[in-house]
Amino acid sequence: MLPLIVRHLPYFVRARWVFRDYRPQPVTFGSISSWLQQFQCEDRRAVLGLLGRVQYISEGRAEDLLMRLNESLLSRLRASGIPERNVIYVQMHDPGSSSGVMLNMVRDACRLQRRGCWFIDSKNVRDLHEVTTQLETGAIVYVDDFCGSGHQFSDVRDFLADHIVGAFPEFFLLLSICEEAIYELGKRGVEAVSGPVHSKADRPLHPNSTLLDPVLKRRLVDICREIDRAGGLGYRGLATMVVTYRNAPDTVPVILRGNVSQDFVGILPRTTDLPPAAAI
């Protein structure tokens, strides 16, 4: 292990620092070594370079970004005549999901309860119907951390749409969103309130990206497919590179996440990739 660490020490130190609060599995010198030694010697520097292109969002950055985006949105709504007491925040998934965590984060950081905002679970369509009927006008704000294809969001939102009564422009507050999802939201009249849009060009292994030398890119893509022939580049081949402190989206290439049960060990595994005993 020692020669491997010494040979790539700057990469090890940077990864340990950047991903220091990654929740599903701590990123340590030992876990970096376990991940890196699975690759052939001639591929390791390229793999480490790919890791260096991950756009990581720590817990502190997530809170700051959500707070700033939310305050900017509320300011816009006030200017358009929508008071805070007419703003409804919607949790997209189960309470322990990323949506619930992000909603709690922005609720507490921005003291939204004291400001009279409403909070509704997406499964509680009765409350959504009753509150929108009572208010008649306002705004709906869906909250989550990341959106890749936009399909999961669209399924939930389309289910809710029939239960919204009155004039309620809809917004999706989140840390990062892919350009594919922007299109899906646009078809539904939902505006994304997000950090920088994660474009195809910003994803080194995506077919539309020219960030890497073609030969190097092809080799990394081949490694992904050796690990998982069908889903090596992540869900629908999105090959995204945004990872939050809570989890890696299923759109991240398996060269970084590893596969389910971690037969191939990932450096940034999803909680659902980890064996039951290791999952948090």
C-alpha atoms as a PDB file:
ATOM      1  CA  MET A   1       0.000   0.000   0.000  1.00  0.00           C
ATOM      2  CA  LEU A   2       2.787   2.422   0.889  1.00  0.00           C
ATOM      3  CA  PRO A   3       4.394   2.586  -2.594  1.00  0.00           C
ATOM      4  CA  LEU A   4       0.984   3.216  -4.166  1.00  0.00           C
ATOM      5  CA  ILE A   5       0.257   6.104  -1.791  1.00  0.00           C
ATOM      6  CA  VAL A   6       3.724   7.622  -2.192  1.00  0.00           C
ATOM      7  CA  ARG A   7       3.555   7.403  -5.982  1.00  0.00           C
ATOM      8  CA  HIS A   8       0.264   9.306  -6.094  1.00  0.00           C
ATOM      9  CA  LEU A   9       0.455  11.241  -2.826  1.00  0.00           C
ATOM     10  CA  PRO A  10      -0.901  14.615  -4.124  1.00  0.00           C
ATOM     11  CA  TYR A  11      -3.995  12.866  -5.488  1.00  0.00           C
ATOM     12  CA  PHE A  12      -4.515  11.001  -2.204  1.00  0.00           C
ATOM     13  CA  VAL A  13      -4.217  14.160  -0.130  1.00  0.00           C
ATOM     14  CA  ARG A  14      -6.562  16.119  -2.372  1.00  0.00           C
ATOM     15  CA  ALA A  15      -9.204  13.372  -2.421  1.00  0.00           C
ATOM     16  CA  ARG A  16      -9.039  12.937   1.341  1.00  0.00           C
ATOM     17  CA  TRP A  17      -9.572  16.678   1.814  1.00  0.00           C
ATOM     18  CA  VAL A  18     -12.210  17.320  -0.866  1.00  0.00           C
ATOM     19  CA  PHE A  19     -14.437  14.363   0.074  1.00  0.00           C
ATOM     20  CA  ARG A  20     -13.845  14.579   3.823  1.00  0.00           C
ATOM     21  CA  ASP A  21     -17.555  14.673   4.719  1.00  0.00           C
ATOM     22  CA  TYR A  22     -18.850  12.076   2.246  1.00  0.00           C
ATOM     23  CA  ARG A  23     -21.473  10.173   4.218  1.00  0.00           C
ATOM     24  CA  PRO A  24     -22.059   6.743   2.615  1.00  0.00           C
ATOM     25  CA  GLN A  25     -18.420   5.676   3.066  1.00  0.00           C
ATOM     26  CA  PRO A  26     -15.500   7.700   4.475  1.00  0.00           C
ATOM     27  CA  VAL A  27     -12.830   8.572   1.926  1.00  0.00           C
ATOM     28  CA  THR A  28      -9.523   7.611   3.559  1.00  0.00           C
ATOM     29  CA  PHE A  29      -6.070   6.741   2.300  1.00  0.00           C
ATOM     30  CA  GLY A  30      -7.056   3.097   2.796  1.00  0.00           C
ATOM     31  CA  SER A  31     -10.294   3.358   0.788  1.00  0.00           C
ATOM     32  CA  ILE A  32      -8.524   5.275  -1.989  1.00  0.00           C
ATOM     33  CA  SER A  33      -5.880   2.542  -2.150  1.00  0.00           C
ATOM     34  CA  SER A  34      -8.482  -0.235  -2.216  1.00  0.00           C
ATOM     35  CA  TRP A  35     -10.219   1.499  -5.088  1.00  0.00           C
ATOM     36  CA  LEU A  36      -7.098   2.409  -7.057  1.00  0.00           C
ATOM     37  CA  GLN A  37      -5.350  -0.963  -6.892  1.00  0.00           C
ATOM     38  CA  GLN A  38      -8.189  -2.529  -8.898  1.00  0.00           C
ATOM     39  CA  PHE A  39      -6.934  -0.725 -12.009  1.00  0.00           C
ATOM     40  CA  GLN A  40      -3.942  -1.551 -14.139  1.00  0.00           C
ATOM     41  CA  CYS A  41      -0.863   0.520 -13.312  1.00  0.00           C
ATOM     42  CA  GLU A  42      -0.988   2.375 -16.621  1.00  0.00           C
ATOM     43  CA  ASP A  43      -4.603   3.437 -16.005  1.00  0.00           C
ATOM     44  CA  ARG A  44      -4.257   4.758 -12.463  1.00  0.00           C
ATOM     45  CA  ARG A  45      -3.189   8.296 -13.233  1.00  0.00           C
ATOM     46  CA  ALA A  46      -6.059   8.717 -15.687  1.00  0.00           C
ATOM     47  CA  VAL A  47      -8.534   7.336 -13.153  1.00  0.00           C
ATOM     48  CA  LEU A  48      -7.245   9.717 -10.489  1.00  0.00           C
ATOM     49  CA  GLY A  49      -7.527  12.568 -12.969  1.00  0.00           C
ATOM     50  CA  LEU A  50     -11.159  11.655 -13.540  1.00  0.00           C
ATOM     51  CA  LEU A  51     -11.763  11.685  -9.786  1.00  0.00           C
ATOM     52  CA  GLY A  52     -10.314  15.183  -9.728  1.00  0.00           C
ATOM     53  CA  ARG A  53     -13.050  16.339 -12.100  1.00  0.00           C
ATOM     54  CA  VAL A  54     -15.867  15.403  -9.724  1.00  0.00           C
ATOM     55  CA  GLN A  55     -17.947  18.464  -8.804  1.00  0.00           C
ATOM     56  CA  TYR A  56     -18.359  17.787  -5.099  1.00  0.00           C
ATOM     57  CA  ILE A  57     -20.866  19.629  -2.918  1.00  0.00           C
ATOM     58  CA  SER A  58     -20.034  19.474   0.786  1.00  0.00           C
ATOM     59  CA  GLU A  59     -22.643  19.900   3.503  1.00  0.00           C
ATOM     60  CA  GLY A  60     -21.533  23.461   4.242  1.00  0.00           C
ATOM     61  CA  ARG A  61     -21.623  24.443   0.585  1.00  0.00           C
ATOM     62  CA  ALA A  62     -25.026  22.776   0.157  1.00  0.00           C
ATOM     63  CA  GLU A  63     -26.540  24.800   2.998  1.00  0.00           C
ATOM     64  CA  ASP A  64     -25.046  28.072   1.768  1.00  0.00           C
ATOM     65  CA  LEU A  65     -26.150  27.470  -1.826  1.00  0.00           C
ATOM     66  CA  LEU A  66     -29.695  26.469  -0.912  1.00  0.00           C
ATOM     67  CA  MET A  67     -30.058  29.450   1.396  1.00  0.00           C
ATOM     68  CA  ARG A  68     -28.884  31.928  -1.246  1.00  0.00           C
ATOM     69  CA  LEU A  69     -31.021  30.400  -3.999  1.00  0.00           C
ATOM     70  CA  ASN A  70     -34.081  30.305  -1.777  1.00  0.00           C
ATOM     71  CA  GLU A  71     -33.724  33.896  -0.566  1.00  0.00           C
ATOM     72  CA  SER A  72     -33.343  35.063  -4.144  1.00  0.00           C
ATOM     73  CA  LEU A  73     -36.492  33.158  -5.126  1.00  0.00           C
ATOM     74  CA  LEU A  74     -38.532  34.549  -2.224  1.00  0.00           C
ATOM     75  CA  SER A  75     -37.397  38.054  -3.108  1.00  0.00           C
ATOM     76  CA  ARG A  76     -38.608  37.552  -6.687  1.00  0.00           C
ATOM     77  CA  LEU A  77     -41.929  36.198  -5.478  1.00  0.00           C
ATOM     78  CA  ARG A  78     -42.478  39.154  -3.127  1.00  0.00           C
ATOM     79  CA  ALA A  79     -41.737  41.537  -5.973  1.00  0.00           C
ATOM     80  CA  SER A  80     -44.380  39.796  -8.075  1.00  0.00           C
ATOM     81  CA  GLY A  81     -46.972  40.066  -5.302  1.00  0.00           C
ATOM     82  CA  ILE A  82     -46.694  36.601  -3.741  1.00  0.00           C
ATOM     83  CA  PRO A  83     -46.093  36.843   0.032  1.00  0.00           C
ATOM     84  CA  GLU A  84     -44.134  34.210   1.930  1.00  0.00           C
ATOM     85  CA  ARG A  85     -47.295  32.947   3.646  1.00  0.00           C
ATOM     86  CA  ASN A  86     -48.525  31.836   0.197  1.00  0.00           C
ATOM     87  CA  VAL A  87     -45.434  29.789  -0.627  1.00  0.00           C
ATOM     88  CA  ILE A  88     -45.789  26.009  -0.367  1.00  0.00           C
ATOM     89  CA  TYR A  89     -42.657  23.840  -0.107  1.00  0.00           C
ATOM     90  CA  VAL A  90     -43.078  20.256  -1.260  1.00  0.00           C
ATOM     91  CA  GLN A  91     -40.993  17.274  -0.179  1.00  0.00           C
ATOM     92  CA  MET A  92     -40.645  15.007  -3.196  1.00  0.00           C
ATOM     93  CA  HIS A  93     -39.901  11.624  -1.635  1.00  0.00           C
ATOM     94  CA  ASP A  94     -39.791   9.781   1.713  1.00  0.00           C
ATOM     95  CA  PRO A  95     -38.743  11.673   4.903  1.00  0.00           C
ATOM     96  CA  GLY A  96     -35.218  10.209   4.936  1.00  0.00           C
ATOM     97  CA  SER A  97     -34.636  10.963   1.259  1.00  0.00           C
ATOM     98  CA  SER A  98     -32.414  13.691  -0.123  1.00  0.00           C
ATOM     99  CA  SER A  99     -35.521  15.798  -0.766  1.00  0.00           C
ATOM    100  CA  GLY A 100     -36.542  15.646   2.884  1.00  0.00           C
ATOM    101  CA  VAL A 101     -33.042  16.464   4.075  1.00  0.00           C
ATOM    102  CA  MET A 102     -32.668  19.410   1.687  1.00  0.00           C
ATOM    103  CA  LEU A 103     -36.091  20.757   2.620  1.00  0.00           C
ATOM    104  CA  ASN A 104     -35.265  20.575   6.326  1.00  0.00           C
ATOM    105  CA  MET A 105     -31.956  22.297   5.635  1.00  0.00           C
ATOM    106  CA  VAL A 106     -33.484  25.240   3.785  1.00  0.00           C
ATOM    107  CA  ARG A 107     -36.405  25.425   6.229  1.00  0.00           C
ATOM    108  CA  ASP A 108     -34.066  25.823   9.198  1.00  0.00           C
ATOM    109  CA  ALA A 109     -31.411  27.976   7.513  1.00  0.00           C
ATOM    110  CA  CYS A 110     -34.003  30.442   6.199  1.00  0.00           C
ATOM    111  CA  ARG A 111     -36.367  30.149   9.203  1.00  0.00           C
ATOM    112  CA  LEU A 112     -39.256  29.466   6.876  1.00  0.00           C
ATOM    113  CA  GLN A 113     -41.682  28.280   9.542  1.00  0.00           C
ATOM    114  CA  ARG A 114     -41.489  31.638  11.320  1.00  0.00           C
ATOM    115  CA  ARG A 115     -42.132  33.346   7.994  1.00  0.00           C
ATOM    116  CA  GLY A 116     -45.442  31.543   7.518  1.00  0.00           C
ATOM    117  CA  CYS A 117     -44.513  29.222   4.663  1.00  0.00           C
ATOM    118  CA  TRP A 118     -46.322  25.916   4.150  1.00  0.00           C
ATOM    119  CA  PHE A 119     -44.734  22.423   4.056  1.00  0.00           C
ATOM    120  CA  ILE A 120     -46.402  19.457   2.382  1.00  0.00           C
ATOM    121  CA  ASP A 121     -45.325  15.899   1.582  1.00  0.00           C
ATOM    122  CA  SER A 122     -45.845  14.942  -2.058  1.00  0.00           C
ATOM    123  CA  LYS A 123     -47.831  11.888  -0.991  1.00  0.00           C
ATOM    124  CA  ASN A 124     -50.322  14.033   0.900  1.00  0.00           C
ATOM    125  CA  VAL A 125     -52.387  15.225  -2.044  1.00  0.00           C
ATOM    126  CA  ARG A 126     -55.349  15.968   0.202  1.00  0.00           C
ATOM    127  CA  ASP A 127     -53.406  18.648   2.098  1.00  0.00           C
ATOM    128  CA  LEU A 128     -52.089  20.076  -1.167  1.00  0.00           C
ATOM    129  CA  HIS A 129     -55.621  20.344  -2.521  1.00  0.00           C
ATOM    130  CA  GLU A 130     -56.958  21.949   0.663  1.00  0.00           C
ATOM    131  CA  VAL A 131     -54.126  24.454   1.093  1.00  0.00           C
ATOM    132  CA  THR A 132     -54.126  25.615  -2.531  1.00  0.00           C
ATOM    133  CA  THR A 133     -57.922  25.909  -2.411  1.00  0.00           C
ATOM    134  CA  GLN A 134     -57.616  28.049   0.727  1.00  0.00           C
ATOM    135  CA  LEU A 135     -54.835  30.292  -0.612  1.00  0.00           C
ATOM    136  CA  GLU A 136     -56.116  30.529  -4.225  1.00  0.00           C
ATOM    137  CA  THR A 137     -52.807  32.060  -5.381  1.00  0.00           C
ATOM    138  CA  GLY A 138     -49.180  31.545  -4.410  1.00  0.00           C
ATOM    139  CA  ALA A 139     -46.189  29.454  -5.452  1.00  0.00           C
ATOM    140  CA  ILE A 140     -45.172  25.799  -5.252  1.00  0.00           C
ATOM    141  CA  VAL A 141     -41.496  25.058  -4.496  1.00  0.00           C
ATOM    142  CA  TYR A 142     -40.300  21.482  -4.910  1.00  0.00           C
ATOM    143  CA  VAL A 143     -36.980  20.759  -3.153  1.00  0.00           C
ATOM    144  CA  ASP A 144     -34.228  18.192  -3.772  1.00  0.00           C
ATOM    145  CA  ASP A 145     -30.457  18.016  -4.142  1.00  0.00           C
ATOM    146  CA  PHE A 146     -29.861  16.837  -7.735  1.00  0.00           C
ATOM    147  CA  CYS A 147     -31.840  16.108 -10.881  1.00  0.00           C
ATOM    148  CA  GLY A 148     -30.383  14.086 -13.747  1.00  0.00           C
ATOM    149  CA  SER A 149     -32.813  13.011 -16.438  1.00  0.00           C
ATOM    150  CA  GLY A 150     -35.808  14.737 -14.820  1.00  0.00           C
ATOM    151  CA  HIS A 151     -37.934  11.604 -15.188  1.00  0.00           C
ATOM    152  CA  GLN A 152     -38.343  10.886 -11.482  1.00  0.00           C
ATOM    153  CA  PHE A 153     -39.237  14.499 -10.717  1.00  0.00           C
ATOM    154  CA  SER A 154     -41.709  14.608 -13.598  1.00  0.00           C
ATOM    155  CA  ASP A 155     -43.493  11.474 -12.395  1.00  0.00           C
ATOM    156  CA  VAL A 156     -44.031  12.960  -8.933  1.00  0.00           C
ATOM    157  CA  ARG A 157     -44.934  16.421 -10.196  1.00  0.00           C
ATOM    158  CA  ASP A 158     -47.414  15.097 -12.781  1.00  0.00           C
ATOM    159  CA  PHE A 159     -49.172  13.132 -10.048  1.00  0.00           C
ATOM    160  CA  LEU A 160     -49.485  16.287  -7.932  1.00  0.00           C
ATOM    161  CA  ALA A 161     -50.548  18.642 -10.707  1.00  0.00           C
ATOM    162  CA  ASP A 162     -54.197  17.575 -10.694  1.00  0.00           C
ATOM    163  CA  HIS A 163     -54.480  18.445  -6.997  1.00  0.00           C
ATOM    164  CA  ILE A 164     -53.263  22.055  -7.272  1.00  0.00           C
ATOM    165  CA  VAL A 165     -56.190  24.479  -7.263  1.00  0.00           C
ATOM    166  CA  GLY A 166     -55.684  28.107  -8.291  1.00  0.00           C
ATOM    167  CA  ALA A 167     -52.796  30.107  -9.741  1.00  0.00           C
ATOM    168  CA  PHE A 168     -49.506  28.670  -8.479  1.00  0.00           C
ATOM    169  CA  PRO A 169     -46.309  29.035 -10.517  1.00  0.00           C
ATOM    170  CA  GLU A 170     -44.005  26.076  -9.819  1.00  0.00           C
ATOM    171  CA  PHE A 171     -40.293  26.068  -9.022  1.00  0.00           C
ATOM    172  CA  PHE A 172     -37.721  23.343  -8.401  1.00  0.00           C
ATOM    173  CA  LEU A 173     -35.122  24.358  -5.801  1.00  0.00           C
ATOM    174  CA  LEU A 174     -32.012  22.194  -5.864  1.00  0.00           C
ATOM    175  CA  LEU A 175     -28.228  22.184  -5.771  1.00  0.00           C
ATOM    176  CA  SER A 176     -27.572  21.012  -9.315  1.00  0.00           C
ATOM    177  CA  ILE A 177     -29.524  20.001 -12.406  1.00  0.00           C
ATOM    178  CA  CYS A 178     -28.588  18.448 -15.753  1.00  0.00           C
ATOM    179  CA  GLU A 179     -29.476  20.095 -19.032  1.00  0.00           C
ATOM    180  CA  GLU A 180     -31.644  17.072 -19.910  1.00  0.00           C
ATOM    181  CA  ALA A 181     -33.839  17.768 -16.884  1.00  0.00           C
ATOM    182  CA  ILE A 182     -34.229  21.449 -17.806  1.00  0.00           C
ATOM    183  CA  TYR A 183     -36.055  20.297 -20.933  1.00  0.00           C
ATOM    184  CA  GLU A 184     -38.380  18.017 -18.951  1.00  0.00           C
ATOM    185  CA  LEU A 185     -39.203  20.800 -16.488  1.00  0.00           C
ATOM    186  CA  GLY A 186     -39.818  23.231 -19.311  1.00  0.00           C
ATOM    187  CA  LYS A 187     -42.470  20.969 -20.832  1.00  0.00           C
ATOM    188  CA  ARG A 188     -44.357  21.281 -17.538  1.00  0.00           C
ATOM    189  CA  GLY A 189     -43.860  24.979 -16.967  1.00  0.00           C
ATOM    190  CA  VAL A 190     -41.650  24.364 -13.915  1.00  0.00           C
ATOM    191  CA  GLU A 191     -38.667  26.691 -13.413  1.00  0.00           C
ATOM    192  CA  ALA A 192     -35.416  25.313 -12.030  1.00  0.00           C
ATOM    193  CA  VAL A 193     -33.830  27.366  -9.237  1.00  0.00           C
ATOM    194  CA  SER A 194     -30.403  25.792  -9.111  1.00  0.00           C
ATOM    195  CA  GLY A 195     -26.685  26.233  -9.050  1.00  0.00           C
ATOM    196  CA  PRO A 196     -24.856  25.954 -12.404  1.00  0.00           C
ATOM    197  CA  VAL A 197     -26.566  23.636 -14.891  1.00  0.00           C
ATOM    198  CA  HIS A 198     -24.547  20.429 -15.331  1.00  0.00           C
ATOM    199  CA  SER A 199     -24.067  20.340 -19.095  1.00  0.00           C
ATOM    200  CA  LYS A 200     -23.088  17.349 -21.203  1.00  0.00           C
ATOM    201  CA  ALA A 201     -19.882  19.152 -22.117  1.00  0.00           C
ATOM    202  CA  ASP A 202     -18.868  19.221 -18.417  1.00  0.00           C
ATOM    203  CA  ARG A 203     -19.007  15.412 -18.111  1.00  0.00           C
ATOM    204  CA  PRO A 204     -15.672  13.933 -19.255  1.00  0.00           C
ATOM    205  CA  LEU A 205     -17.098  10.524 -20.231  1.00  0.00           C
ATOM    206  CA  HIS A 206     -20.234  11.785 -21.961  1.00  0.00           C
ATOM    207  CA  PRO A 207     -20.225  11.418 -25.781  1.00  0.00           C
ATOM    208  CA  ASN A 208     -20.777  15.185 -26.153  1.00  0.00           C
ATOM    209  CA  SER A 209     -17.759  16.126 -24.043  1.00  0.00           C
ATOM    210  CA  THR A 210     -14.321  16.992 -25.415  1.00  0.00           C
ATOM    211  CA  LEU A 211     -12.607  17.498 -22.050  1.00  0.00           C
ATOM    212  CA  LEU A 212     -10.383  14.424 -22.418  1.00  0.00           C
ATOM    213  CA  ASP A 213      -8.067  13.149 -25.111  1.00  0.00           C
ATOM    214  CA  PRO A 214     -10.168  10.750 -27.263  1.00  0.00           C
ATOM    215  CA  VAL A 215      -7.891   7.764 -26.643  1.00  0.00           C
ATOM    216  CA  LEU A 216      -7.869   8.351 -22.884  1.00  0.00           C
ATOM    217  CA  LYS A 217     -11.626   8.861 -22.838  1.00  0.00           C
ATOM    218  CA  ARG A 218     -12.217   5.654 -24.764  1.00  0.00           C
ATOM    219  CA  ARG A 219     -10.077   3.709 -22.315  1.00  0.00           C
ATOM    220  CA  LEU A 220     -11.984   5.056 -19.293  1.00  0.00           C
ATOM    221  CA  VAL A 221     -15.321   4.318 -20.955  1.00  0.00           C
ATOM    222  CA  ASP A 222     -14.127   0.769 -21.683  1.00  0.00           C
ATOM    223  CA  ILE A 223     -13.257   0.297 -17.998  1.00  0.00           C
ATOM    224  CA  CYS A 224     -16.772   1.442 -17.041  1.00  0.00           C
ATOM    225  CA  ARG A 225     -18.284  -1.112 -19.397  1.00  0.00           C
ATOM    226  CA  GLU A 226     -16.024  -3.849 -18.084  1.00  0.00           C
ATOM    227  CA  ILE A 227     -17.424  -3.154 -14.616  1.00  0.00           C
ATOM    228  CA  ASP A 228     -21.046  -2.909 -15.770  1.00  0.00           C
ATOM    229  CA  ARG A 229     -21.770  -3.554 -19.432  1.00  0.00           C
ATOM    230  CA  ALA A 230     -25.304  -2.163 -19.327  1.00  0.00           C
ATOM    231  CA  GLY A 231     -24.976   0.758 -16.897  1.00  0.00           C
ATOM    232  CA  GLY A 232     -21.303   1.652 -16.855  1.00  0.00           C
ATOM    233  CA  LEU A 233     -21.880   5.364 -17.462  1.00  0.00           C
ATOM    234  CA  GLY A 234     -24.760   5.576 -14.994  1.00  0.00           C
ATOM    235  CA  TYR A 235     -28.509   5.772 -15.532  1.00  0.00           C
ATOM    236  CA  ARG A 236     -29.301   6.363 -19.218  1.00  0.00           C
ATOM    237  CA  GLY A 237     -25.602   6.966 -19.884  1.00  0.00           C
ATOM    238  CA  LEU A 238     -25.730  10.460 -18.392  1.00  0.00           C
ATOM    239  CA  ALA A 239     -22.168  10.116 -17.021  1.00  0.00           C
ATOM    240  CA  THR A 240     -22.701  12.925 -14.516  1.00  0.00           C
ATOM    241  CA  MET A 241     -19.927  14.189 -12.255  1.00  0.00           C
ATOM    242  CA  VAL A 242     -21.862  15.993  -9.503  1.00  0.00           C
ATOM    243  CA  VAL A 243     -21.700  14.287  -6.085  1.00  0.00           C
ATOM    244  CA  THR A 244     -23.158  15.631  -2.842  1.00  0.00           C
ATOM    245  CA  TYR A 245     -22.006  14.854   0.666  1.00  0.00           C
ATOM    246  CA  ARG A 246     -25.092  12.649   1.161  1.00  0.00           C
ATOM    247  CA  ASN A 247     -24.789  10.410  -1.892  1.00  0.00           C
ATOM    248  CA  ALA A 248     -23.653   9.878  -5.446  1.00  0.00           C
ATOM    249  CA  PRO A 249     -26.503   9.955  -7.995  1.00  0.00           C
ATOM    250  CA  ASP A 250     -27.092   6.761  -9.963  1.00  0.00           C
ATOM    251  CA  THR A 251     -26.083   8.753 -13.047  1.00  0.00           C
ATOM    252  CA  VAL A 252     -22.408   8.791 -11.947  1.00  0.00           C
ATOM    253  CA  PRO A 253     -20.126   6.351 -13.839  1.00  0.00           C
ATOM    254  CA  VAL A 254     -19.423   3.086 -12.019  1.00  0.00           C
ATOM    255  CA  ILE A 255     -15.665   3.669 -12.279  1.00  0.00           C
ATOM    256  CA  LEU A 256     -16.212   6.092  -9.374  1.00  0.00           C
ATOM    257  CA  ARG A 257     -19.253   4.522  -7.666  1.00  0.00           C
ATOM    258  CA  GLY A 258     -18.381   0.851  -7.998  1.00  0.00           C
ATOM    259  CA  ASN A 259     -21.132  -1.660  -8.646  1.00  0.00           C
ATOM    260  CA  VAL A 260     -23.969  -3.003  -6.521  1.00  0.00           C
ATOM    261  CA  SER A 261     -22.614  -4.922  -3.489  1.00  0.00           C
ATOM    262  CA  GLN A 262     -19.182  -3.442  -4.309  1.00  0.00           C
ATOM    263  CA  ASP A 263     -17.660  -6.471  -6.000  1.00  0.00           C
ATOM    264  CA  PHE A 264     -15.860  -3.679  -7.782  1.00  0.00           C
ATOM    265  CA  VAL A 265     -15.104  -1.204  -5.009  1.00  0.00           C
ATOM    266  CA  GLY A 266     -16.058   2.406  -5.577  1.00  0.00           C
ATOM    267  CA  ILE A 267     -14.410   5.458  -4.055  1.00  0.00           C
ATOM    268  CA  LEU A 268     -17.769   7.308  -3.951  1.00  0.00           C
ATOM    269  CA  PRO A 269     -20.377   4.534  -3.678  1.00  0.00           C
ATOM    270  CA  ARG A 270     -24.097   5.166  -3.392  1.00  0.00           C
ATOM    271  CA  THR A 271     -25.736   3.957  -0.196  1.00  0.00           C
ATOM    272  CA  THR A 272     -27.661   1.476  -2.349  1.00  0.00           C
ATOM    273  CA  ASP A 273     -24.390   0.178  -3.840  1.00  0.00           C
ATOM    274  CA  LEU A 274     -22.995  -0.809  -0.449  1.00  0.00           C
ATOM    275  CA  PRO A 275     -23.506  -4.260   1.092  1.00  0.00           C
ATOM    276  CA  PRO A 276     -26.211  -4.168   3.833  1.00  0.00           C
ATOM    277  CA  ALA A 277     -23.721  -4.379   6.695  1.00  0.00           C
ATOM    278  CA  ALA A 278     -21.744  -1.384   5.366  1.00  0.00           C
ATOM    279  CA  ALA A 279     -24.649   0.870   4.472  1.00  0.00           C
ATOM    280  CA  ILE A 280     -25.402   3.762   6.813  1.00  0.00           C
END
